[in-house]
PDB file of N, CA and C in Angstrom:
ATOM      1  N   MET A   1      16.949   3.229   9.144  1.00  0.00           N
ATOM      2  CA  MET A   1      16.101   2.408   8.284  1.00  0.00           C
ATOM      3  C   MET A   1      15.611   3.279   7.141  1.00  0.00           C
ATOM      4  N   SER A   2      15.729   2.785   5.940  1.00  0.00           N
ATOM      5  CA  SER A   2      15.209   3.499   4.778  1.00  0.00           C
ATOM      6  C   SER A   2      14.311   2.556   3.986  1.00  0.00           C
ATOM      7  N   LEU A   3      13.081   2.962   3.795  1.00  0.00           N
ATOM      8  CA  LEU A   3      12.141   2.150   3.035  1.00  0.00           C
ATOM      9  C   LEU A   3      12.237   2.520   1.575  1.00  0.00           C
ATOM     10  N   ALA A   4      12.388   1.514   0.751  1.00  0.00           N
ATOM     11  CA  ALA A   4      12.352   1.721  -0.688  1.00  0.00           C
ATOM     12  C   ALA A   4      10.959   1.332  -1.148  1.00  0.00           C
ATOM     13  N   GLY A   5      10.328   2.147  -1.931  1.00  0.00           N
ATOM     14  CA  GLY A   5       8.966   1.844  -2.349  1.00  0.00           C
ATOM     15  C   GLY A   5       8.802   1.905  -3.851  1.00  0.00           C
ATOM     16  N   GLN A   6       7.928   1.082  -4.340  1.00  0.00           N
ATOM     17  CA  GLN A   6       7.561   1.103  -5.743  1.00  0.00           C
ATOM     18  C   GLN A   6       6.050   1.092  -5.808  1.00  0.00           C
ATOM     19  N   GLN A   7       5.500   1.781  -6.791  1.00  0.00           N
ATOM     20  CA  GLN A   7       4.062   1.803  -6.954  1.00  0.00           C
ATOM     21  C   GLN A   7       3.697   1.217  -8.305  1.00  0.00           C
ATOM     22  N   PHE A   8       2.623   0.477  -8.317  1.00  0.00           N
ATOM     23  CA  PHE A   8       2.132  -0.135  -9.542  1.00  0.00           C
ATOM     24  C   PHE A   8       0.633   0.103  -9.610  1.00  0.00           C
ATOM     25  N   TYR A   9       0.143   0.432 -10.769  1.00  0.00           N
ATOM     26  CA  TYR A   9      -1.289   0.575 -10.957  1.00  0.00           C
ATOM     27  C   TYR A   9      -1.747  -0.502 -11.926  1.00  0.00           C
ATOM     28  N   ASP A  10      -2.755  -1.245 -11.540  1.00  0.00           N
ATOM     29  CA  ASP A  10      -3.302  -2.283 -12.406  1.00  0.00           C
ATOM     30  C   ASP A  10      -4.132  -1.610 -13.482  1.00  0.00           C
ATOM     31  N   THR A  11      -3.702  -1.729 -14.716  1.00  0.00           N
ATOM     32  CA  THR A  11      -4.438  -1.112 -15.812  1.00  0.00           C
ATOM     33  C   THR A  11      -4.992  -2.152 -16.765  1.00  0.00           C
ATOM     34  N   ASP A  12      -5.066  -3.393 -16.324  1.00  0.00           N
ATOM     35  CA  ASP A  12      -5.532  -4.465 -17.201  1.00  0.00           C
ATOM     36  C   ASP A  12      -7.038  -4.412 -17.459  1.00  0.00           C
ATOM     37  N   VAL A  13      -7.796  -3.909 -16.484  1.00  0.00           N
ATOM     38  CA  VAL A  13      -9.246  -3.960 -16.607  1.00  0.00           C
ATOM     39  C   VAL A  13      -9.819  -2.556 -16.526  1.00  0.00           C
ATOM     40  N   ASP A  14     -10.426  -2.088 -17.590  1.00  0.00           N
ATOM     41  CA  ASP A  14     -11.187  -0.839 -17.578  1.00  0.00           C
ATOM     42  C   ASP A  14     -10.432   0.308 -16.917  1.00  0.00           C
ATOM     43  N   GLY A  15      -9.188   0.512 -17.266  1.00  0.00           N
ATOM     44  CA  GLY A  15      -8.437   1.631 -16.733  1.00  0.00           C
ATOM     45  C   GLY A  15      -7.842   1.418 -15.356  1.00  0.00           C
ATOM     46  N   GLY A  16      -8.009   0.253 -14.770  1.00  0.00           N
ATOM     47  CA  GLY A  16      -7.401  -0.064 -13.485  1.00  0.00           C
ATOM     48  C   GLY A  16      -8.335   0.109 -12.314  1.00  0.00           C
ATOM     49  N   HIS A  17      -8.312  -0.851 -11.435  1.00  0.00           N
ATOM     50  CA  HIS A  17      -9.138  -0.823 -10.236  1.00  0.00           C
ATOM     51  C   HIS A  17      -8.339  -1.107  -8.974  1.00  0.00           C
ATOM     52  N   VAL A  18      -7.039  -1.366  -9.135  1.00  0.00           N
ATOM     53  CA  VAL A  18      -6.219  -1.783  -8.001  1.00  0.00           C
ATOM     54  C   VAL A  18      -4.933  -0.966  -7.954  1.00  0.00           C
ATOM     55  N   PHE A  19      -4.615  -0.457  -6.774  1.00  0.00           N
ATOM     56  CA  PHE A  19      -3.337   0.193  -6.505  1.00  0.00           C
ATOM     57  C   PHE A  19      -2.469  -0.834  -5.798  1.00  0.00           C
ATOM     58  N   HIS A  20      -1.226  -0.981  -6.246  1.00  0.00           N
ATOM     59  CA  HIS A  20      -0.303  -1.944  -5.644  1.00  0.00           C
ATOM     60  C   HIS A  20       1.000  -1.221  -5.353  1.00  0.00           C
ATOM     61  N   CYS A  21       1.465  -1.359  -4.128  1.00  0.00           N
ATOM     62  CA  CYS A  21       2.705  -0.722  -3.702  1.00  0.00           C
ATOM     63  C   CYS A  21       3.528  -1.737  -2.926  1.00  0.00           C
ATOM     64  N   SER A  22       4.828  -1.740  -3.139  1.00  0.00           N
ATOM     65  CA  SER A  22       5.736  -2.607  -2.402  1.00  0.00           C
ATOM     66  C   SER A  22       6.652  -1.734  -1.558  1.00  0.00           C
ATOM     67  N   LEU A  23       6.745  -2.039  -0.263  1.00  0.00           N
ATOM     68  CA  LEU A  23       7.651  -1.336   0.637  1.00  0.00           C
ATOM     69  C   LEU A  23       8.669  -2.336   1.157  1.00  0.00           C
ATOM     70  N   GLY A  24       9.937  -1.974   1.123  1.00  0.00           N
ATOM     71  CA  GLY A  24      10.940  -2.933   1.555  1.00  0.00           C
ATOM     72  C   GLY A  24      12.182  -2.292   2.131  1.00  0.00           C
ATOM     73  N   LEU A  25      12.955  -3.127   2.791  1.00  0.00           N
ATOM     74  CA  LEU A  25      14.251  -2.747   3.343  1.00  0.00           C
ATOM     75  C   LEU A  25      15.353  -3.367   2.503  1.00  0.00           C
ATOM     76  N   ALA A  26      16.486  -2.720   2.457  1.00  0.00           N
ATOM     77  CA  ALA A  26      17.652  -3.324   1.826  1.00  0.00           C
ATOM     78  C   ALA A  26      18.095  -4.520   2.670  1.00  0.00           C
ATOM     79  N   ALA A  27      18.640  -5.534   2.033  1.00  0.00           N
ATOM     80  CA  ALA A  27      19.025  -6.768   2.722  1.00  0.00           C
ATOM     81  C   ALA A  27      19.931  -6.499   3.922  1.00  0.00           C
ATOM     82  N   GLN A  28      20.858  -5.565   3.790  1.00  0.00           N
ATOM     83  CA  GLN A  28      21.795  -5.286   4.876  1.00  0.00           C
ATOM     84  C   GLN A  28      21.134  -4.609   6.073  1.00  0.00           C
ATOM     85  N   GLU A  29      19.891  -4.144   5.934  1.00  0.00           N
ATOM     86  CA  GLU A  29      19.185  -3.512   7.047  1.00  0.00           C
ATOM     87  C   GLU A  29      18.440  -4.522   7.915  1.00  0.00           C
ATOM     88  N   GLY A  30      18.467  -5.786   7.536  1.00  0.00           N
ATOM     89  CA  GLY A  30      17.839  -6.822   8.339  1.00  0.00           C
ATOM     90  C   GLY A  30      16.357  -6.957   8.082  1.00  0.00           C
ATOM     91  N   TRP A  31      15.631  -7.277   9.137  1.00  0.00           N
ATOM     92  CA  TRP A  31      14.186  -7.471   8.991  1.00  0.00           C
ATOM     93  C   TRP A  31      13.475  -6.844  10.175  1.00  0.00           C
ATOM     94  N   LEU A  32      12.168  -6.653  10.024  1.00  0.00           N
ATOM     95  CA  LEU A  32      11.347  -6.052  11.070  1.00  0.00           C
ATOM     96  C   LEU A  32      10.330  -7.071  11.574  1.00  0.00           C
ATOM     97  N   ALA A  33       9.875  -6.878  12.794  1.00  0.00           N
ATOM     98  CA  ALA A  33       8.826  -7.731  13.352  1.00  0.00           C
ATOM     99  C   ALA A  33       7.494  -7.399  12.669  1.00  0.00           C
ATOM    100  N   ASP A  34       6.568  -8.348  12.714  1.00  0.00           N
ATOM    101  CA  ASP A  34       5.250  -8.147  12.110  1.00  0.00           C
ATOM    102  C   ASP A  34       4.574  -6.875  12.631  1.00  0.00           C
ATOM    103  N   GLN A  35       4.706  -6.617  13.926  1.00  0.00           N
ATOM    104  CA  GLN A  35       4.079  -5.442  14.516  1.00  0.00           C
ATOM    105  C   GLN A  35       4.665  -4.149  13.941  1.00  0.00           C
ATOM    106  N   GLN A  36       5.970  -4.151  13.667  1.00  0.00           N
ATOM    107  CA  GLN A  36       6.603  -2.977  13.075  1.00  0.00           C
ATOM    108  C   GLN A  36       6.103  -2.753  11.651  1.00  0.00           C
ATOM    109  N   TRP A  37       6.005  -3.827  10.874  1.00  0.00           N
ATOM    110  CA  TRP A  37       5.489  -3.709   9.511  1.00  0.00           C
ATOM    111  C   TRP A  37       4.034  -3.260   9.523  1.00  0.00           C
ATOM    112  N   ALA A  38       3.247  -3.751  10.469  1.00  0.00           N
ATOM    113  CA  ALA A  38       1.841  -3.344  10.566  1.00  0.00           C
ATOM    114  C   ALA A  38       1.750  -1.838  10.816  1.00  0.00           C
ATOM    115  N   ALA A  39       2.587  -1.326  11.706  1.00  0.00           N
ATOM    116  CA  ALA A  39       2.582   0.112  11.986  1.00  0.00           C
ATOM    117  C   ALA A  39       3.001   0.912  10.756  1.00  0.00           C
ATOM    118  N   ILE A  40       4.011   0.439  10.040  1.00  0.00           N
ATOM    119  CA  ILE A  40       4.468   1.121   8.826  1.00  0.00           C
ATOM    120  C   ILE A  40       3.365   1.119   7.769  1.00  0.00           C
ATOM    121  N   ALA A  41       2.723  -0.016   7.567  1.00  0.00           N
ATOM    122  CA  ALA A  41       1.642  -0.113   6.575  1.00  0.00           C
ATOM    123  C   ALA A  41       0.493   0.821   6.938  1.00  0.00           C
ATOM    124  N   ASN A  42       0.111   0.838   8.217  1.00  0.00           N
ATOM    125  CA  ASN A  42      -0.971   1.727   8.646  1.00  0.00           C
ATOM    126  C   ASN A  42      -0.607   3.196   8.449  1.00  0.00           C
ATOM    127  N   ASP A  43       0.595   3.586   8.840  1.00  0.00           N
ATOM    128  CA  ASP A  43       1.034   4.972   8.650  1.00  0.00           C
ATOM    129  C   ASP A  43       1.065   5.339   7.169  1.00  0.00           C
ATOM    130  N   PHE A  44       1.631   4.451   6.350  1.00  0.00           N
ATOM    131  CA  PHE A  44       1.720   4.706   4.916  1.00  0.00           C
ATOM    132  C   PHE A  44       0.333   4.908   4.326  1.00  0.00           C
ATOM    133  N   MET A  45      -0.587   3.999   4.654  1.00  0.00           N
ATOM    134  CA  MET A  45      -1.915   4.079   4.064  1.00  0.00           C
ATOM    135  C   MET A  45      -2.720   5.252   4.620  1.00  0.00           C
ATOM    136  N   GLN A  46      -2.553   5.614   5.870  1.00  0.00           N
ATOM    137  CA  GLN A  46      -3.247   6.803   6.384  1.00  0.00           C
ATOM    138  C   GLN A  46      -2.792   8.039   5.628  1.00  0.00           C
ATOM    139  N   ASN A  47      -1.483   8.186   5.434  1.00  0.00           N
ATOM    140  CA  ASN A  47      -0.956   9.328   4.683  1.00  0.00           C
ATOM    141  C   ASN A  47      -1.389   9.268   3.227  1.00  0.00           C
ATOM    142  N   PHE A  48      -1.281   8.090   2.617  1.00  0.00           N
ATOM    143  CA  PHE A  48      -1.661   7.923   1.218  1.00  0.00           C
ATOM    144  C   PHE A  48      -3.138   8.251   1.027  1.00  0.00           C
ATOM    145  N   MET A  49      -3.981   7.697   1.899  1.00  0.00           N
ATOM    146  CA  MET A  49      -5.414   7.878   1.738  1.00  0.00           C
ATOM    147  C   MET A  49      -5.817   9.333   1.930  1.00  0.00           C
ATOM    148  N   GLN A  50      -5.179  10.040   2.852  1.00  0.00           N
ATOM    149  CA  GLN A  50      -5.503  11.460   3.034  1.00  0.00           C
ATOM    150  C   GLN A  50      -5.006  12.286   1.858  1.00  0.00           C
ATOM    151  N   ASN A  51      -3.793  12.029   1.399  1.00  0.00           N
ATOM    152  CA  ASN A  51      -3.226  12.796   0.289  1.00  0.00           C
ATOM    153  C   ASN A  51      -3.921  12.519  -1.032  1.00  0.00           C
ATOM    154  N   MET A  52      -4.484  11.342  -1.179  1.00  0.00           N
ATOM    155  CA  MET A  52      -5.139  10.978  -2.438  1.00  0.00           C
ATOM    156  C   MET A  52      -6.660  11.044  -2.325  1.00  0.00           C
ATOM    157  N   ASP A  53      -7.162  11.684  -1.277  1.00  0.00           N
ATOM    158  CA  ASP A  53      -8.599  11.894  -1.086  1.00  0.00           C
ATOM    159  C   ASP A  53      -9.368  10.581  -0.968  1.00  0.00           C
ATOM    160  N   PHE A  54      -8.750   9.605  -0.301  1.00  0.00           N
ATOM    161  CA  PHE A  54      -9.394   8.317  -0.045  1.00  0.00           C
ATOM    162  C   PHE A  54     -10.033   8.254   1.338  1.00  0.00           C
ATOM    163  N   ALA A  55      -9.557   9.088   2.242  1.00  0.00           N
ATOM    164  CA  ALA A  55      -9.975   8.982   3.643  1.00  0.00           C
ATOM    165  C   ALA A  55     -11.396   9.487   3.844  1.00  0.00           C
ATOM    166  N   GLU A  56     -12.055   8.946   4.853  1.00  0.00           N
ATOM    167  CA  GLU A  56     -13.424   9.331   5.174  1.00  0.00           C
ATOM    168  C   GLU A  56     -13.550  10.813   5.477  1.00  0.00           C
ATOM    169  N   ASP A  57     -12.516  11.397   6.110  1.00  0.00           N
ATOM    170  CA  ASP A  57     -12.619  12.804   6.463  1.00  0.00           C
ATOM    171  C   ASP A  57     -12.570  13.715   5.246  1.00  0.00           C
ATOM    172  N   GLY A  58     -12.290  13.174   4.075  1.00  0.00           N
ATOM    173  CA  GLY A  58     -12.339  13.931   2.825  1.00  0.00           C
ATOM    174  C   GLY A  58     -13.752  14.041   2.284  1.00  0.00           C
ATOM    175  N   GLY A  59     -14.717  13.477   2.998  1.00  0.00           N
ATOM    176  CA  GLY A  59     -16.103  13.558   2.571  1.00  0.00           C
ATOM    177  C   GLY A  59     -16.531  12.435   1.649  1.00  0.00           C
ATOM    178  N   LYS A  60     -15.621  11.553   1.323  1.00  0.00           N
ATOM    179  CA  LYS A  60     -15.933  10.435   0.441  1.00  0.00           C
ATOM    180  C   LYS A  60     -15.768   9.128   1.204  1.00  0.00           C
ATOM    181  N   ALA A  61     -16.368   8.100   0.688  1.00  0.00           N
ATOM    182  CA  ALA A  61     -16.259   6.787   1.319  1.00  0.00           C
ATOM    183  C   ALA A  61     -14.804   6.300   1.261  1.00  0.00           C
ATOM    184  N   PRO A  62     -14.368   5.545   2.263  1.00  0.00           N
ATOM    185  CA  PRO A  62     -12.999   5.022   2.255  1.00  0.00           C
ATOM    186  C   PRO A  62     -12.855   3.875   1.249  1.00  0.00           C
ATOM    187  N   ALA A  63     -11.620   3.518   0.993  1.00  0.00           N
ATOM    188  CA  ALA A  63     -11.325   2.375   0.130  1.00  0.00           C
ATOM    189  C   ALA A  63     -10.748   1.254   0.986  1.00  0.00           C
ATOM    190  N   TRP A  64     -10.970   0.024   0.577  1.00  0.00           N
ATOM    191  CA  TRP A  64     -10.424  -1.131   1.274  1.00  0.00           C
ATOM    192  C   TRP A  64      -8.991  -1.362   0.834  1.00  0.00           C
ATOM    193  N   TRP A  65      -8.174  -1.831   1.786  1.00  0.00           N
ATOM    194  CA  TRP A  65      -6.790  -2.149   1.451  1.00  0.00           C
ATOM    195  C   TRP A  65      -6.306  -3.290   2.335  1.00  0.00           C
ATOM    196  N   VAL A  66      -5.232  -3.934   1.878  1.00  0.00           N
ATOM    197  CA  VAL A  66      -4.634  -5.038   2.623  1.00  0.00           C
ATOM    198  C   VAL A  66      -3.118  -4.963   2.454  1.00  0.00           C
ATOM    199  N   ALA A  67      -2.392  -5.332   3.508  1.00  0.00           N
ATOM    200  CA  ALA A  67      -0.932  -5.434   3.446  1.00  0.00           C
ATOM    201  C   ALA A  67      -0.564  -6.903   3.617  1.00  0.00           C
ATOM    202  N   VAL A  68       0.330  -7.370   2.751  1.00  0.00           N
ATOM    203  CA  VAL A  68       0.745  -8.778   2.780  1.00  0.00           C
ATOM    204  C   VAL A  68       2.266  -8.844   2.885  1.00  0.00           C
ATOM    205  N   ARG A  69       2.718  -9.491   3.916  1.00  0.00           N
ATOM    206  CA  ARG A  69       4.158  -9.726   4.099  1.00  0.00           C
ATOM    207  C   ARG A  69       4.391 -11.206   3.860  1.00  0.00           C
ATOM    208  N   HIS A  70       5.266 -11.503   2.908  1.00  0.00           N
ATOM    209  CA  HIS A  70       5.453 -12.915   2.583  1.00  0.00           C
ATOM    210  C   HIS A  70       6.901 -13.367   2.624  1.00  0.00           C
ATOM    211  N   GLY A  71       7.669 -12.758   3.498  1.00  0.00           N
ATOM    212  CA  GLY A  71       9.040 -13.208   3.681  1.00  0.00           C
ATOM    213  C   GLY A  71      10.037 -12.409   2.875  1.00  0.00           C
ATOM    214  N   LEU A  72      11.254 -12.893   2.888  1.00  0.00           N
ATOM    215  CA  LEU A  72      12.343 -12.210   2.199  1.00  0.00           C
ATOM    216  C   LEU A  72      12.260 -12.422   0.694  1.00  0.00           C
ATOM    217  N   SER A  73      12.689 -11.407  -0.056  1.00  0.00           N
ATOM    218  CA  SER A  73      12.769 -11.539  -1.509  1.00  0.00           C
ATOM    219  C   SER A  73      13.976 -12.424  -1.862  1.00  0.00           C
ATOM    220  N   ARG A  74      14.154 -12.695  -3.131  1.00  0.00           N
ATOM    221  CA  ARG A  74      15.308 -13.491  -3.586  1.00  0.00           C
ATOM    222  C   ARG A  74      16.631 -12.842  -3.189  1.00  0.00           C
ATOM    223  N   ASN A  75      16.604 -11.513  -3.102  1.00  0.00           N
ATOM    224  CA  ASN A  75      17.817 -10.775  -2.731  1.00  0.00           C
ATOM    225  C   ASN A  75      17.964 -10.592  -1.228  1.00  0.00           C
ATOM    226  N   GLY A  76      17.052 -11.152  -0.455  1.00  0.00           N
ATOM    227  CA  GLY A  76      17.123 -11.065   0.998  1.00  0.00           C
ATOM    228  C   GLY A  76      16.507  -9.812   1.588  1.00  0.00           C
ATOM    229  N   ASN A  77      15.712  -9.100   0.807  1.00  0.00           N
ATOM    230  CA  ASN A  77      15.071  -7.877   1.285  1.00  0.00           C
ATOM    231  C   ASN A  77      13.772  -8.211   2.001  1.00  0.00           C
ATOM    232  N   ASP A  78      13.625  -7.726   3.224  1.00  0.00           N
ATOM    233  CA  ASP A  78      12.371  -7.848   3.958  1.00  0.00           C
ATOM    234  C   ASP A  78      11.400  -6.834   3.369  1.00  0.00           C
ATOM    235  N   HIS A  79      10.188  -7.255   3.041  1.00  0.00           N
ATOM    236  CA  HIS A  79       9.262  -6.348   2.379  1.00  0.00           C
ATOM    237  C   HIS A  79       7.815  -6.776   2.575  1.00  0.00           C
ATOM    238  N   LEU A  80       6.936  -5.866   2.197  1.00  0.00           N
ATOM    239  CA  LEU A  80       5.519  -6.195   2.165  1.00  0.00           C
ATOM    240  C   LEU A  80       4.900  -5.521   0.951  1.00  0.00           C
ATOM    241  N   HIS A  81       3.718  -6.001   0.596  1.00  0.00           N
ATOM    242  CA  HIS A  81       2.956  -5.436  -0.507  1.00  0.00           C
ATOM    243  C   HIS A  81       1.661  -4.875   0.051  1.00  0.00           C
ATOM    244  N   ILE A  82       1.274  -3.726  -0.452  1.00  0.00           N
ATOM    245  CA  ILE A  82      -0.005  -3.126  -0.093  1.00  0.00           C
ATOM    246  C   ILE A  82      -0.849  -3.067  -1.360  1.00  0.00           C
ATOM    247  N   VAL A  83      -2.064  -3.557  -1.255  1.00  0.00           N
ATOM    248  CA  VAL A  83      -3.002  -3.523  -2.372  1.00  0.00           C
ATOM    249  C   VAL A  83      -4.254  -2.798  -1.891  1.00  0.00           C
ATOM    250  N   ALA A  84      -4.697  -1.808  -2.648  1.00  0.00           N
ATOM    251  CA  ALA A  84      -5.891  -1.045  -2.293  1.00  0.00           C
ATOM    252  C   ALA A  84      -6.841  -1.006  -3.475  1.00  0.00           C
ATOM    253  N   SER A  85      -8.111  -1.074  -3.172  1.00  0.00           N
ATOM    254  CA  SER A  85      -9.132  -0.908  -4.202  1.00  0.00           C
ATOM    255  C   SER A  85      -9.161   0.554  -4.615  1.00  0.00           C
ATOM    256  N   MET A  86      -9.182   0.821  -5.905  1.00  0.00           N
ATOM    257  CA  MET A  86      -9.288   2.185  -6.390  1.00  0.00           C
ATOM    258  C   MET A  86     -10.756   2.611  -6.474  1.00  0.00           C
ATOM    259  N   VAL A  87     -11.653   1.698  -6.118  1.00  0.00           N
ATOM    260  CA  VAL A  87     -13.082   1.988  -6.084  1.00  0.00           C
ATOM    261  C   VAL A  87     -13.506   2.076  -4.623  1.00  0.00           C
ATOM    262  N   ARG A  88     -14.074   3.204  -4.252  1.00  0.00           N
ATOM    263  CA  ARG A  88     -14.499   3.434  -2.880  1.00  0.00           C
ATOM    264  C   ARG A  88     -15.772   2.633  -2.570  1.00  0.00           C
ATOM    265  N   ASP A  89     -16.098   2.546  -1.289  1.00  0.00           N
ATOM    266  CA  ASP A  89     -17.306   1.844  -0.854  1.00  0.00           C
ATOM    267  C   ASP A  89     -18.575   2.393  -1.490  1.00  0.00           C
ATOM    268  N   ASP A  90     -18.590   3.686  -1.813  1.00  0.00           N
ATOM    269  CA  ASP A  90     -19.805   4.274  -2.395  1.00  0.00           C
ATOM    270  C   ASP A  90     -19.853   4.123  -3.916  1.00  0.00           C
ATOM    271  N   GLY A  91     -18.864   3.421  -4.482  1.00  0.00           N
ATOM    272  CA  GLY A  91     -18.840   3.172  -5.931  1.00  0.00           C
ATOM    273  C   GLY A  91     -18.072   4.188  -6.732  1.00  0.00           C
ATOM    274  N   THR A  92     -17.651   5.296  -6.116  1.00  0.00           N
ATOM    275  CA  THR A  92     -16.855   6.271  -6.836  1.00  0.00           C
ATOM    276  C   THR A  92     -15.422   5.754  -6.962  1.00  0.00           C
ATOM    277  N   LYS A  93     -14.742   6.219  -7.982  1.00  0.00           N
ATOM    278  CA  LYS A  93     -13.402   5.727  -8.254  1.00  0.00           C
ATOM    279  C   LYS A  93     -12.367   6.823  -8.029  1.00  0.00           C
ATOM    280  N   TRP A  94     -11.255   6.424  -7.399  1.00  0.00           N
ATOM    281  CA  TRP A  94     -10.130   7.326  -7.235  1.00  0.00           C
ATOM    282  C   TRP A  94      -9.524   7.597  -8.601  1.00  0.00           C
ATOM    283  N   ASN A  95      -9.194   8.840  -8.869  1.00  0.00           N
ATOM    284  CA  ASN A  95      -8.594   9.217 -10.134  1.00  0.00           C
ATOM    285  C   ASN A  95      -7.107   9.449  -9.909  1.00  0.00           C
ATOM    286  N   GLY A  96      -6.304   8.435 -10.196  1.00  0.00           N
ATOM    287  CA  GLY A  96      -4.864   8.530  -9.986  1.00  0.00           C
ATOM    288  C   GLY A  96      -4.179   9.400 -10.983  1.00  0.00           C
TER     289      GLY A  96
END
Protein backbone atom coordinates (compact mmCIF):
# COMPACT_ATOMS: atom_id res chain seq x y z
CA MET A 1 0.00 0.00 0.00
CA SER A 2 1.35 3.41 -0.90
CA LEU A 3 -0.38 6.56 0.26
CA ALA A 4 -0.23 9.53 -2.03
CA GLY A 5 -0.63 12.80 -0.19
CA GLN A 6 -1.18 16.40 -1.10
CA GLN A 7 -1.10 19.36 1.23
CA PHE A 8 -3.03 22.57 0.87
CA TYR A 9 -2.90 25.66 3.02
CA ASP A 10 -5.90 27.97 3.11
CA THR A 11 -4.54 31.43 2.48
CA ASP A 12 -7.82 33.17 1.73
CA VAL A 13 -8.23 34.76 5.16
CA ASP A 14 -5.51 36.67 6.99
CA GLY A 15 -2.64 34.45 5.89
CA GLY A 16 -4.50 31.17 6.38
CA HIS A 17 -6.07 29.44 9.33
CA VAL A 18 -6.67 25.95 7.96
CA PHE A 19 -4.33 23.11 6.97
CA HIS A 20 -5.85 20.69 4.46
CA CYS A 21 -4.29 17.40 3.42
CA SER A 22 -5.62 14.62 1.21
CA LEU A 23 -4.40 11.04 1.65
CA GLY A 24 -5.35 8.43 -0.90
CA LEU A 25 -4.70 5.10 -2.53
CA ALA A 26 -4.30 4.45 -6.22
CA ALA A 27 -7.45 2.92 -7.73
CA GLN A 28 -5.71 -0.41 -8.40
CA GLU A 29 -4.87 -0.74 -4.67
CA GLY A 30 -8.54 -1.08 -3.76
CA TRP A 31 -10.06 0.41 -0.65
CA LEU A 32 -9.60 0.29 3.12
CA ALA A 33 -12.09 -0.21 5.93
CA ASP A 34 -13.10 2.82 8.01
CA GLN A 35 -11.08 1.49 10.95
CA GLN A 36 -7.95 1.30 8.79
CA TRP A 37 -8.40 4.87 7.57
CA ALA A 38 -9.00 6.03 11.15
CA ALA A 39 -5.69 4.47 12.22
CA ILE A 40 -3.87 6.04 9.26
CA ALA A 41 -5.36 9.48 9.99
CA ASN A 42 -4.45 9.23 13.68
CA ASP A 43 -0.87 8.13 12.92
CA PHE A 44 -0.46 10.84 10.28
CA MET A 45 -1.74 13.58 12.56
CA GLN A 46 0.27 12.42 15.59
CA ASN A 47 3.45 12.56 13.49
CA PHE A 48 2.42 15.82 11.82
CA MET A 49 1.48 17.49 15.09
CA GLN A 50 4.74 16.49 16.79
CA ASN A 51 6.91 17.50 13.83
CA MET A 52 5.12 20.82 13.41
CA ASP A 53 5.06 21.64 17.15
CA PHE A 54 1.28 21.19 17.42
CA ALA A 55 1.29 18.46 20.05
CA GLU A 56 0.65 19.12 23.73
CA ASP A 57 4.00 17.63 24.69
CA GLY A 58 5.66 20.50 22.79
CA GLY A 59 4.51 22.81 25.56
CA LYS A 60 1.83 24.46 23.46
CA ALA A 61 -1.89 23.89 23.25
CA PRO A 62 -3.01 21.28 20.69
CA ALA A 63 -4.90 22.09 17.52
CA TRP A 64 -8.25 20.61 16.51
CA TRP A 65 -8.46 18.42 13.43
CA VAL A 66 -10.94 16.23 11.59
CA ALA A 67 -10.63 13.47 8.97
CA VAL A 68 -13.40 13.07 6.40
CA ARG A 69 -13.75 10.06 4.14
CA HIS A 70 -16.34 10.57 1.46
CA GLY A 71 -15.99 7.65 -0.89
CA LEU A 72 -14.09 7.04 -4.08
CA SER A 73 -12.83 9.89 -6.25
CA ARG A 74 -13.87 10.18 -9.91
CA ASN A 75 -10.82 8.08 -10.75
CA GLY A 76 -11.77 5.38 -8.26
CA ASN A 77 -9.18 6.31 -5.63
CA ASP A 78 -10.12 5.60 -2.02
CA HIS A 79 -9.13 8.66 0.00
CA LEU A 80 -9.77 10.93 2.92
CA HIS A 81 -9.23 14.58 3.72
CA ILE A 82 -7.70 15.91 6.92
CA VAL A 83 -8.43 19.47 7.98
CA ALA A 84 -6.68 21.04 10.97
CA SER A 85 -6.99 24.43 12.57
CA MET A 86 -3.73 26.35 12.31
CA VAL A 87 -4.79 28.22 15.46
CA ARG A 88 -4.15 26.36 18.70
CA ASP A 89 -6.59 26.24 21.63
CA ASP A 90 -4.57 28.93 23.43
CA GLY A 91 -4.93 31.32 20.46
CA THR A 92 -1.38 30.98 19.18
CA LYS A 93 -0.95 30.22 15.51
CA TRP A 94 1.17 27.56 13.86
CA ASN A 95 3.73 29.12 11.56
CA GLY A 96 3.87 26.91 8.47
